[in-house]
């Protein structure tokens, strides 16, 4: 795996902290939480996409694709967090509550589980190489 530079690693860590702060702030109904979460998601996912794997292991390549799916889910969570603040989609109230309101928690949970799984497995597979 390509290692991140010190600056990229700092952006990666700041993005992770902003993800946690934004998610916690949204649960506490802080109005600025979606903005903090979105900035964190962009920082975190962009730095994770810079970590490329140039090896030949199909297992690690598959795990990287799963990790990129979780990155997409982080970004989708940020979008749904904005959509949960107010009904800017123009949907009827019942449809909005049923399909949009607070659904960012589900995508965030799936993304976090996939991140934990792939991070652990990639570390083990790299140790085998």
N, C-alpha and C. Protein backbone atom coordinates (compact mmCIF):
# COMPACT_ATOMS: atom_id res chain seq x y z
N UNK A 1 0.85 -1.18 0.00
CA UNK A 1 0.00 0.00 0.00
C UNK A 1 0.89 1.24 0.00
N UNK A 2 0.44 2.23 -0.73
CA UNK A 2 1.15 3.50 -0.76
C UNK A 2 0.94 4.21 0.57
N UNK A 3 2.02 4.62 1.20
CA UNK A 3 1.93 5.33 2.47
C UNK A 3 1.63 6.81 2.22
N UNK A 4 0.85 7.39 3.09
CA UNK A 4 0.54 8.81 2.99
C UNK A 4 1.69 9.64 3.55
N UNK A 5 1.84 10.84 3.01
CA UNK A 5 2.85 11.75 3.56
C UNK A 5 2.36 12.28 4.91
N UNK A 6 3.20 13.02 5.60
CA UNK A 6 2.81 13.55 6.92
C UNK A 6 1.61 14.49 6.80
N UNK A 7 1.60 15.32 5.77
CA UNK A 7 0.48 16.25 5.57
C UNK A 7 -0.79 15.48 5.24
N UNK A 8 -0.69 14.50 4.36
CA UNK A 8 -1.86 13.69 4.01
C UNK A 8 -2.37 12.91 5.20
N UNK A 9 -1.46 12.40 6.00
CA UNK A 9 -1.85 11.66 7.20
C UNK A 9 -2.56 12.58 8.20
N UNK A 10 -2.09 13.83 8.31
CA UNK A 10 -2.73 14.80 9.19
C UNK A 10 -4.15 15.12 8.70
N UNK A 11 -4.30 15.31 7.40
CA UNK A 11 -5.64 15.57 6.83
C UNK A 11 -6.54 14.37 7.07
N UNK A 12 -6.01 13.17 6.92
CA UNK A 12 -6.76 11.94 7.17
C UNK A 12 -7.26 11.88 8.61
N UNK A 13 -6.37 12.17 9.57
CA UNK A 13 -6.76 12.12 10.98
C UNK A 13 -7.74 13.23 11.34
N UNK A 14 -7.54 14.43 10.80
CA UNK A 14 -8.48 15.52 11.05
C UNK A 14 -9.85 15.17 10.49
N UNK A 15 -9.87 14.56 9.30
CA UNK A 15 -11.13 14.13 8.71
C UNK A 15 -11.86 13.12 9.58
N UNK A 16 -11.11 12.17 10.15
CA UNK A 16 -11.73 11.17 11.02
C UNK A 16 -12.31 11.82 12.28
N UNK A 17 -11.58 12.77 12.86
CA UNK A 17 -12.08 13.46 14.06
C UNK A 17 -13.33 14.28 13.71
N UNK A 18 -13.31 14.95 12.56
CA UNK A 18 -14.48 15.73 12.15
C UNK A 18 -15.69 14.85 11.88
N UNK A 19 -15.46 13.63 11.38
CA UNK A 19 -16.57 12.69 11.20
C UNK A 19 -17.24 12.38 12.54
N UNK A 20 -16.43 12.10 13.53
CA UNK A 20 -16.97 11.76 14.85
C UNK A 20 -17.67 12.96 15.48
N UNK A 21 -17.05 14.14 15.39
CA UNK A 21 -17.65 15.35 15.97
C UNK A 21 -18.96 15.68 15.25
N UNK A 22 -18.98 15.56 13.93
CA UNK A 22 -20.19 15.86 13.17
C UNK A 22 -21.32 14.89 13.48
N UNK A 23 -21.00 13.61 13.59
CA UNK A 23 -22.03 12.62 13.92
C UNK A 23 -22.57 12.84 15.33
N UNK A 24 -21.67 13.09 16.27
CA UNK A 24 -22.11 13.37 17.65
C UNK A 24 -22.90 14.65 17.75
N UNK A 25 -22.47 15.68 17.04
CA UNK A 25 -23.19 16.95 17.05
C UNK A 25 -24.57 16.85 16.43
N UNK A 26 -24.71 16.00 15.43
CA UNK A 26 -26.01 15.83 14.81
C UNK A 26 -26.98 15.12 15.76
N UNK A 27 -26.47 14.18 16.52
CA UNK A 27 -27.32 13.51 17.50
C UNK A 27 -27.77 14.49 18.58
N UNK A 28 -26.90 15.45 18.90
CA UNK A 28 -27.23 16.47 19.90
C UNK A 28 -27.98 17.67 19.31
N UNK A 29 -28.39 17.56 18.03
CA UNK A 29 -29.18 18.58 17.32
C UNK A 29 -28.42 19.89 17.14
N UNK A 30 -27.11 19.83 16.96
CA UNK A 30 -26.31 21.02 16.67
C UNK A 30 -26.49 21.36 15.20
N UNK A 31 -26.89 22.57 14.85
CA UNK A 31 -27.18 22.90 13.45
C UNK A 31 -25.97 22.87 12.52
N UNK A 32 -24.77 23.03 13.04
CA UNK A 32 -23.58 23.02 12.20
C UNK A 32 -22.99 21.64 11.99
N UNK A 33 -23.59 20.62 12.58
CA UNK A 33 -23.04 19.27 12.52
C UNK A 33 -22.94 18.71 11.10
N UNK A 34 -23.93 18.90 10.23
CA UNK A 34 -23.78 18.35 8.88
C UNK A 34 -22.60 18.94 8.11
N UNK A 35 -22.30 20.21 8.36
CA UNK A 35 -21.17 20.85 7.69
C UNK A 35 -19.85 20.26 8.18
N UNK A 36 -19.73 20.06 9.48
CA UNK A 36 -18.52 19.47 10.05
C UNK A 36 -18.36 18.04 9.56
N UNK A 37 -19.46 17.29 9.55
CA UNK A 37 -19.42 15.91 9.10
C UNK A 37 -19.04 15.83 7.62
N UNK A 38 -19.59 16.72 6.80
CA UNK A 38 -19.31 16.70 5.36
C UNK A 38 -17.84 17.02 5.08
N UNK A 39 -17.29 18.00 5.78
CA UNK A 39 -15.87 18.33 5.60
C UNK A 39 -15.01 17.14 6.03
N UNK A 40 -15.37 16.53 7.15
CA UNK A 40 -14.63 15.35 7.61
C UNK A 40 -14.73 14.20 6.64
N UNK A 41 -15.91 13.98 6.06
CA UNK A 41 -16.09 12.89 5.11
C UNK A 41 -15.26 13.11 3.85
N UNK A 42 -15.23 14.34 3.37
CA UNK A 42 -14.43 14.64 2.17
C UNK A 42 -12.94 14.46 2.45
N UNK A 43 -12.48 14.96 3.58
CA UNK A 43 -11.06 14.81 3.94
C UNK A 43 -10.69 13.34 4.11
N UNK A 44 -11.49 12.61 4.86
CA UNK A 44 -11.21 11.21 5.16
C UNK A 44 -11.23 10.36 3.90
N UNK A 45 -12.26 10.50 3.09
CA UNK A 45 -12.39 9.64 1.91
C UNK A 45 -11.36 10.00 0.84
N UNK A 46 -11.07 11.28 0.68
CA UNK A 46 -10.09 11.65 -0.35
C UNK A 46 -8.70 11.13 0.00
N UNK A 47 -8.32 11.19 1.25
CA UNK A 47 -7.01 10.68 1.64
C UNK A 47 -6.97 9.16 1.57
N UNK A 48 -8.08 8.52 1.86
CA UNK A 48 -8.12 7.07 1.78
C UNK A 48 -8.05 6.59 0.32
N UNK A 49 -8.60 7.39 -0.59
CA UNK A 49 -8.52 7.04 -2.00
C UNK A 49 -7.11 7.22 -2.55
N UNK A 50 -6.30 8.05 -1.91
CA UNK A 50 -4.91 8.22 -2.33
C UNK A 50 -4.04 7.02 -1.97
N UNK A 51 -4.47 6.24 -1.00
CA UNK A 51 -3.72 5.05 -0.61
C UNK A 51 -4.01 3.95 -1.63
N UNK A 52 -3.18 3.83 -2.61
CA UNK A 52 -3.37 2.82 -3.65
C UNK A 52 -2.58 1.56 -3.32
N UNK A 53 -3.06 0.47 -3.87
CA UNK A 53 -2.36 -0.81 -3.73
C UNK A 53 -1.83 -1.21 -5.11
N UNK A 54 -0.52 -1.36 -5.23
CA UNK A 54 0.09 -1.71 -6.50
C UNK A 54 0.49 -3.18 -6.57
N UNK A 55 0.16 -3.96 -5.57
CA UNK A 55 0.53 -5.38 -5.57
C UNK A 55 -0.39 -6.21 -6.44
N UNK A 56 -0.21 -7.53 -6.35
CA UNK A 56 -0.97 -8.43 -7.21
C UNK A 56 -2.00 -9.28 -6.44
N UNK A 57 -2.13 -9.08 -5.15
CA UNK A 57 -3.04 -9.88 -4.35
C UNK A 57 -4.49 -9.51 -4.66
N UNK A 58 -5.25 -10.49 -5.12
CA UNK A 58 -6.65 -10.25 -5.44
C UNK A 58 -7.48 -10.01 -4.18
N UNK A 59 -7.06 -10.59 -3.07
CA UNK A 59 -7.79 -10.40 -1.81
C UNK A 59 -7.71 -8.94 -1.39
N UNK A 60 -6.52 -8.37 -1.44
CA UNK A 60 -6.36 -6.97 -1.04
C UNK A 60 -7.08 -6.05 -2.02
N UNK A 61 -7.06 -6.38 -3.31
CA UNK A 61 -7.79 -5.56 -4.29
C UNK A 61 -9.29 -5.59 -4.01
N UNK A 62 -9.82 -6.77 -3.65
CA UNK A 62 -11.24 -6.87 -3.31
C UNK A 62 -11.55 -6.08 -2.05
N UNK A 63 -10.69 -6.17 -1.06
CA UNK A 63 -10.89 -5.41 0.18
C UNK A 63 -10.83 -3.91 -0.07
N UNK A 64 -9.97 -3.47 -0.97
CA UNK A 64 -9.90 -2.04 -1.32
C UNK A 64 -11.19 -1.58 -1.98
N UNK A 65 -11.78 -2.43 -2.82
CA UNK A 65 -13.06 -2.06 -3.44
C UNK A 65 -14.16 -1.94 -2.39
N UNK A 66 -14.14 -2.83 -1.40
CA UNK A 66 -15.12 -2.73 -0.31
C UNK A 66 -14.88 -1.46 0.48
N UNK A 67 -13.62 -1.11 0.69
CA UNK A 67 -13.29 0.11 1.41
C UNK A 67 -13.77 1.34 0.64
N UNK A 68 -13.65 1.33 -0.67
CA UNK A 68 -14.15 2.45 -1.48
C UNK A 68 -15.67 2.54 -1.42
N UNK A 69 -16.35 1.38 -1.30
CA UNK A 69 -17.80 1.40 -1.11
C UNK A 69 -18.14 2.07 0.21
N UNK A 70 -17.38 1.78 1.25
CA UNK A 70 -17.65 2.42 2.54
C UNK A 70 -17.37 3.92 2.48
N UNK A 71 -16.37 4.33 1.69
CA UNK A 71 -16.12 5.76 1.50
C UNK A 71 -17.32 6.44 0.84
N UNK A 72 -17.88 5.78 -0.16
CA UNK A 72 -19.08 6.31 -0.81
C UNK A 72 -20.22 6.42 0.20
N UNK A 73 -20.36 5.44 1.09
CA UNK A 73 -21.42 5.49 2.10
C UNK A 73 -21.20 6.61 3.11
N UNK A 74 -19.94 6.94 3.41
CA UNK A 74 -19.67 8.10 4.27
C UNK A 74 -20.16 9.39 3.60
N UNK A 75 -19.88 9.52 2.32
CA UNK A 75 -20.33 10.71 1.59
C UNK A 75 -21.85 10.74 1.48
N UNK A 76 -22.47 9.57 1.27
CA UNK A 76 -23.93 9.50 1.22
C UNK A 76 -24.53 9.86 2.58
N UNK A 77 -23.88 9.46 3.65
CA UNK A 77 -24.34 9.82 5.00
C UNK A 77 -24.33 11.33 5.19
N UNK A 78 -23.29 11.98 4.68
CA UNK A 78 -23.22 13.45 4.78
C UNK A 78 -24.38 14.08 4.02
N UNK A 79 -24.67 13.58 2.83
CA UNK A 79 -25.78 14.11 2.05
C UNK A 79 -27.11 13.89 2.75
N UNK A 80 -27.31 12.71 3.30
CA UNK A 80 -28.55 12.42 4.02
C UNK A 80 -28.65 13.22 5.32
N UNK A 81 -27.52 13.55 5.91
CA UNK A 81 -27.54 14.38 7.11
C UNK A 81 -28.06 15.78 6.78
N UNK A 82 -27.63 16.32 5.63
CA UNK A 82 -28.16 17.61 5.19
C UNK A 82 -29.65 17.49 4.89
N UNK A 83 -30.05 16.40 4.25
CA UNK A 83 -31.45 16.21 3.89
C UNK A 83 -32.33 16.03 5.12
N UNK A 84 -31.76 15.53 6.21
CA UNK A 84 -32.54 15.32 7.43
C UNK A 84 -32.78 16.62 8.19
N UNK A 85 -31.97 17.65 7.89
CA UNK A 85 -32.16 18.91 8.60
C UNK A 85 -33.48 19.57 8.22
N UNK A 86 -33.75 19.64 6.95
CA UNK A 86 -35.03 20.19 6.50
C UNK A 86 -35.41 19.52 5.20
N UNK A 87 -36.66 19.53 4.89
CA UNK A 87 -37.17 18.85 3.71
C UNK A 87 -36.95 19.71 2.47
N UNK A 88 -35.70 19.82 2.01
CA UNK A 88 -35.44 20.62 0.83
C UNK A 88 -35.69 19.83 -0.45
N UNK A 89 -36.05 18.56 -0.33
CA UNK A 89 -36.33 17.75 -1.51
C UNK A 89 -37.76 17.96 -2.01
N UNK A 90 -38.60 18.60 -1.21
CA UNK A 90 -39.98 18.86 -1.62
C UNK A 90 -40.88 17.65 -1.55
N UNK A 91 -40.52 16.66 -0.76
CA UNK A 91 -41.33 15.45 -0.64
C UNK A 91 -42.49 15.69 0.31
N UNK A 92 -43.59 14.94 0.14
CA UNK A 92 -44.65 14.99 1.14
C UNK A 92 -44.09 14.57 2.51
N UNK A 93 -44.68 15.10 3.56
CA UNK A 93 -44.13 14.91 4.91
C UNK A 93 -44.00 13.44 5.29
N UNK A 94 -45.01 12.64 5.01
CA UNK A 94 -44.97 11.23 5.38
C UNK A 94 -43.87 10.50 4.61
N UNK A 95 -43.74 10.78 3.33
CA UNK A 95 -42.70 10.17 2.51
C UNK A 95 -41.32 10.60 2.99
N UNK A 96 -41.19 11.87 3.35
CA UNK A 96 -39.92 12.39 3.85
C UNK A 96 -39.51 11.68 5.14
N UNK A 97 -40.43 11.53 6.07
CA UNK A 97 -40.14 10.86 7.34
C UNK A 97 -39.80 9.39 7.09
N UNK A 98 -40.51 8.76 6.17
CA UNK A 98 -40.33 7.34 5.93
C UNK A 98 -39.00 7.02 5.23
N UNK A 99 -38.58 7.83 4.28
CA UNK A 99 -37.43 7.48 3.45
C UNK A 99 -36.17 8.31 3.68
N UNK A 100 -36.27 9.50 4.26
CA UNK A 100 -35.10 10.36 4.35
C UNK A 100 -34.70 10.67 5.79
N UNK A 101 -35.63 11.05 6.63
CA UNK A 101 -35.34 11.58 7.95
C UNK A 101 -34.56 10.58 8.79
N UNK A 102 -33.37 10.98 9.22
CA UNK A 102 -32.48 10.21 10.09
C UNK A 102 -31.99 8.88 9.49
N UNK A 103 -32.07 8.72 8.20
CA UNK A 103 -31.56 7.49 7.57
C UNK A 103 -30.04 7.52 7.41
N UNK A 104 -29.42 8.68 7.67
CA UNK A 104 -27.97 8.78 7.59
C UNK A 104 -27.31 7.88 8.62
N UNK A 105 -28.00 7.59 9.69
CA UNK A 105 -27.44 6.74 10.75
C UNK A 105 -27.20 5.33 10.21
N UNK A 106 -28.11 4.84 9.38
CA UNK A 106 -27.99 3.49 8.83
C UNK A 106 -26.79 3.41 7.89
N UNK A 107 -26.67 4.39 6.98
CA UNK A 107 -25.54 4.36 6.05
C UNK A 107 -24.22 4.56 6.78
N UNK A 108 -24.22 5.38 7.81
CA UNK A 108 -23.00 5.58 8.60
C UNK A 108 -22.60 4.31 9.33
N UNK A 109 -23.57 3.59 9.88
CA UNK A 109 -23.27 2.33 10.58
C UNK A 109 -22.70 1.30 9.62
N UNK A 110 -23.29 1.16 8.44
CA UNK A 110 -22.79 0.21 7.45
C UNK A 110 -21.37 0.59 7.03
N UNK A 111 -21.15 1.89 6.78
CA UNK A 111 -19.82 2.35 6.37
C UNK A 111 -18.78 2.08 7.45
N UNK A 112 -19.13 2.33 8.70
CA UNK A 112 -18.18 2.11 9.80
C UNK A 112 -17.84 0.63 9.96
N UNK A 113 -18.83 -0.24 9.84
CA UNK A 113 -18.57 -1.68 9.95
C UNK A 113 -17.68 -2.15 8.81
N UNK A 114 -17.96 -1.69 7.59
CA UNK A 114 -17.12 -2.07 6.45
C UNK A 114 -15.69 -1.54 6.61
N UNK A 115 -15.55 -0.33 7.14
CA UNK A 115 -14.21 0.22 7.37
C UNK A 115 -13.44 -0.62 8.38
N UNK A 116 -14.09 -0.98 9.47
CA UNK A 116 -13.41 -1.81 10.49
C UNK A 116 -12.98 -3.14 9.91
N UNK A 117 -13.87 -3.79 9.18
CA UNK A 117 -13.58 -5.10 8.61
C UNK A 117 -12.43 -5.01 7.62
N UNK A 118 -12.51 -4.07 6.68
CA UNK A 118 -11.48 -4.01 5.64
C UNK A 118 -10.14 -3.56 6.19
N UNK A 119 -10.14 -2.64 7.12
CA UNK A 119 -8.88 -2.19 7.71
C UNK A 119 -8.17 -3.34 8.41
N UNK A 120 -8.91 -4.12 9.17
CA UNK A 120 -8.33 -5.25 9.88
C UNK A 120 -7.82 -6.31 8.90
N UNK A 121 -8.63 -6.64 7.91
CA UNK A 121 -8.25 -7.68 6.94
C UNK A 121 -7.08 -7.26 6.07
N UNK A 122 -7.05 -5.99 5.63
CA UNK A 122 -5.94 -5.52 4.80
C UNK A 122 -4.64 -5.57 5.58
N UNK A 123 -4.68 -5.18 6.85
CA UNK A 123 -3.48 -5.23 7.68
C UNK A 123 -2.97 -6.67 7.81
N UNK A 124 -3.89 -7.62 7.99
CA UNK A 124 -3.48 -9.02 8.09
C UNK A 124 -2.92 -9.54 6.77
N UNK A 125 -3.55 -9.18 5.66
CA UNK A 125 -3.08 -9.63 4.35
C UNK A 125 -1.73 -9.03 3.99
N UNK A 126 -1.51 -7.77 4.35
CA UNK A 126 -0.22 -7.15 4.09
C UNK A 126 0.88 -7.79 4.94
N UNK A 127 0.53 -8.21 6.15
CA UNK A 127 1.51 -8.88 7.01
C UNK A 127 1.91 -10.23 6.42
N UNK A 128 0.98 -10.90 5.73
CA UNK A 128 1.30 -12.18 5.08
C UNK A 128 2.26 -12.01 3.92
N UNK A 129 2.14 -10.88 3.21
CA UNK A 129 3.02 -10.63 2.07
C UNK A 129 4.39 -10.36 2.60
